[in-house]
Amino acid sequence: MSYEPPTPPANLPTEIVNTLNESGPERLRDVASYAEALAEHKEREARLEESADQEEVEERPDDLPDDVPTKATITIKEINDNRYYYWQWREGEKVKSKYKAPVNPDE
């Protein structure tokens, strides 16, 4: 390790360089830890935004209620010998359902 202080990056604003030069070792380690975590967070957000932009926008079916997500699928449930269509989707660990219509016995 050199006895000379490190040279700051040329693109680092002077105010930040001066603040860092006036800080003690413990604060500098806290700043370094925070800066690394913040950089990772911003990179992750940028990747998520980029992947969202690249995904094709799924068309929303005309009969899909506003409170049902596009990823929902239709399932048939039988209750008391009657069959019904339900929208069904997963939210975390739970499976959510919303009534759609009775199943037409002619289908």
Protein backbone atom coordinates (compact mmCIF):
# COMPACT_ATOMS: atom_id res chain seq x y z
CA MET A 1 0.00 0.00 0.00
CA SER A 2 1.31 3.41 -0.99
CA TYR A 3 1.98 6.19 1.49
CA GLU A 4 0.50 8.67 -0.99
CA PRO A 5 -3.25 9.40 -0.86
CA PRO A 6 -5.21 7.87 -3.73
CA THR A 7 -6.10 9.96 -6.76
CA PRO A 8 -9.85 10.45 -7.08
CA PRO A 9 -11.58 9.57 -10.37
CA ALA A 10 -11.61 12.54 -12.76
CA ASN A 11 -15.41 12.39 -13.13
CA LEU A 12 -16.07 12.63 -9.37
CA PRO A 13 -17.43 16.07 -8.42
CA THR A 14 -15.08 18.25 -6.35
CA GLU A 15 -17.64 18.64 -3.54
CA ILE A 16 -17.76 14.86 -3.06
CA VAL A 17 -13.96 14.54 -3.16
CA ASN A 18 -13.61 17.30 -0.53
CA THR A 19 -16.26 15.69 1.71
CA LEU A 20 -14.57 12.30 1.45
CA ASN A 21 -11.12 13.81 2.16
CA GLU A 22 -12.52 15.37 5.35
CA SER A 23 -14.09 12.09 6.53
CA GLY A 24 -12.59 9.56 8.90
CA PRO A 25 -11.86 5.92 8.06
CA GLU A 26 -15.08 4.56 9.63
CA ARG A 27 -17.30 7.00 7.72
CA LEU A 28 -15.39 6.26 4.48
CA ARG A 29 -16.03 2.52 4.98
CA ASP A 30 -19.76 3.26 5.56
CA VAL A 31 -19.85 5.42 2.42
CA ALA A 32 -18.09 2.70 0.40
CA SER A 33 -20.51 0.04 1.63
CA TYR A 34 -23.53 2.24 0.90
CA ALA A 35 -22.20 3.26 -2.53
CA GLU A 36 -21.65 -0.38 -3.51
CA ALA A 37 -25.14 -1.40 -2.37
CA LEU A 38 -26.71 1.60 -4.12
CA ALA A 39 -24.84 0.83 -7.36
CA GLU A 40 -26.08 -2.79 -7.26
CA HIS A 41 -29.63 -1.60 -6.63
CA LYS A 42 -29.57 0.87 -9.52
CA GLU A 43 -28.07 -1.74 -11.86
CA ARG A 44 -30.78 -4.23 -10.87
CA GLU A 45 -33.51 -1.61 -11.42
CA ALA A 46 -32.07 -0.78 -14.85
CA ARG A 47 -31.99 -4.48 -15.81
CA LEU A 48 -35.60 -4.95 -14.68
CA GLU A 49 -36.72 -1.89 -16.61
CA GLU A 50 -34.85 -3.04 -19.71
CA SER A 51 -36.34 -6.54 -19.54
CA ALA A 52 -39.82 -5.09 -19.02
CA ASP A 53 -39.37 -2.92 -22.12
CA GLN A 54 -38.29 -5.95 -24.14
CA GLU A 55 -41.20 -8.18 -23.11
CA GLU A 56 -44.13 -8.20 -25.44
CA VAL A 57 -47.17 -6.55 -23.98
CA GLU A 58 -49.84 -9.17 -23.56
CA GLU A 59 -53.21 -8.15 -24.87
CA ARG A 60 -55.85 -8.06 -22.19
CA PRO A 61 -58.90 -10.19 -23.03
CA ASP A 62 -62.06 -8.13 -23.43
CA ASP A 63 -63.88 -10.07 -20.70
CA LEU A 64 -61.04 -9.85 -18.16
CA PRO A 65 -62.19 -7.82 -15.13
CA ASP A 66 -60.04 -4.87 -14.06
CA ASP A 67 -59.11 -6.52 -10.75
CA VAL A 68 -57.81 -9.71 -12.43
CA PRO A 69 -54.20 -9.71 -13.70
CA THR A 70 -53.40 -10.46 -17.35
CA LYS A 71 -51.48 -13.58 -16.29
CA ALA A 72 -54.72 -15.20 -15.02
CA THR A 73 -55.95 -18.37 -16.67
CA ILE A 74 -59.44 -19.82 -16.86
CA THR A 75 -60.19 -22.93 -14.84
CA ILE A 76 -63.36 -24.94 -14.28
CA LYS A 77 -64.59 -25.67 -10.76
CA GLU A 78 -67.37 -28.08 -9.95
CA ILE A 79 -69.63 -27.13 -7.06
CA ASN A 80 -72.68 -29.24 -6.17
CA ASP A 81 -72.68 -30.95 -9.59
CA ASN A 82 -72.60 -27.55 -11.35
CA ARG A 83 -69.57 -26.39 -13.32
CA TYR A 84 -68.30 -22.80 -13.34
CA TYR A 85 -65.50 -20.89 -15.07
CA TYR A 86 -63.14 -18.98 -12.78
CA TRP A 87 -60.21 -16.70 -13.48
CA GLN A 88 -57.27 -18.04 -11.48
CA TRP A 89 -53.79 -16.64 -10.78
CA ARG A 90 -51.03 -16.83 -8.21
CA GLU A 91 -50.08 -14.01 -5.82
CA GLY A 92 -46.99 -15.08 -3.93
CA GLU A 93 -47.83 -18.33 -2.14
CA LYS A 94 -51.61 -17.95 -2.61
CA VAL A 95 -53.79 -18.92 -5.55
CA LYS A 96 -56.53 -16.35 -6.18
CA SER A 97 -59.79 -16.99 -8.06
CA LYS A 98 -62.61 -14.84 -9.39
CA TYR A 99 -65.91 -16.09 -10.76
CA LYS A 100 -66.39 -15.71 -14.52
CA ALA A 101 -69.52 -17.62 -15.65
CA PRO A 102 -71.28 -20.98 -15.59
CA VAL A 103 -69.97 -23.64 -17.94
CA ASN A 104 -72.36 -24.19 -20.82
CA PRO A 105 -73.23 -27.93 -20.79
CA ASP A 106 -73.41 -27.88 -24.62
CA GLU A 107 -69.67 -27.13 -24.94
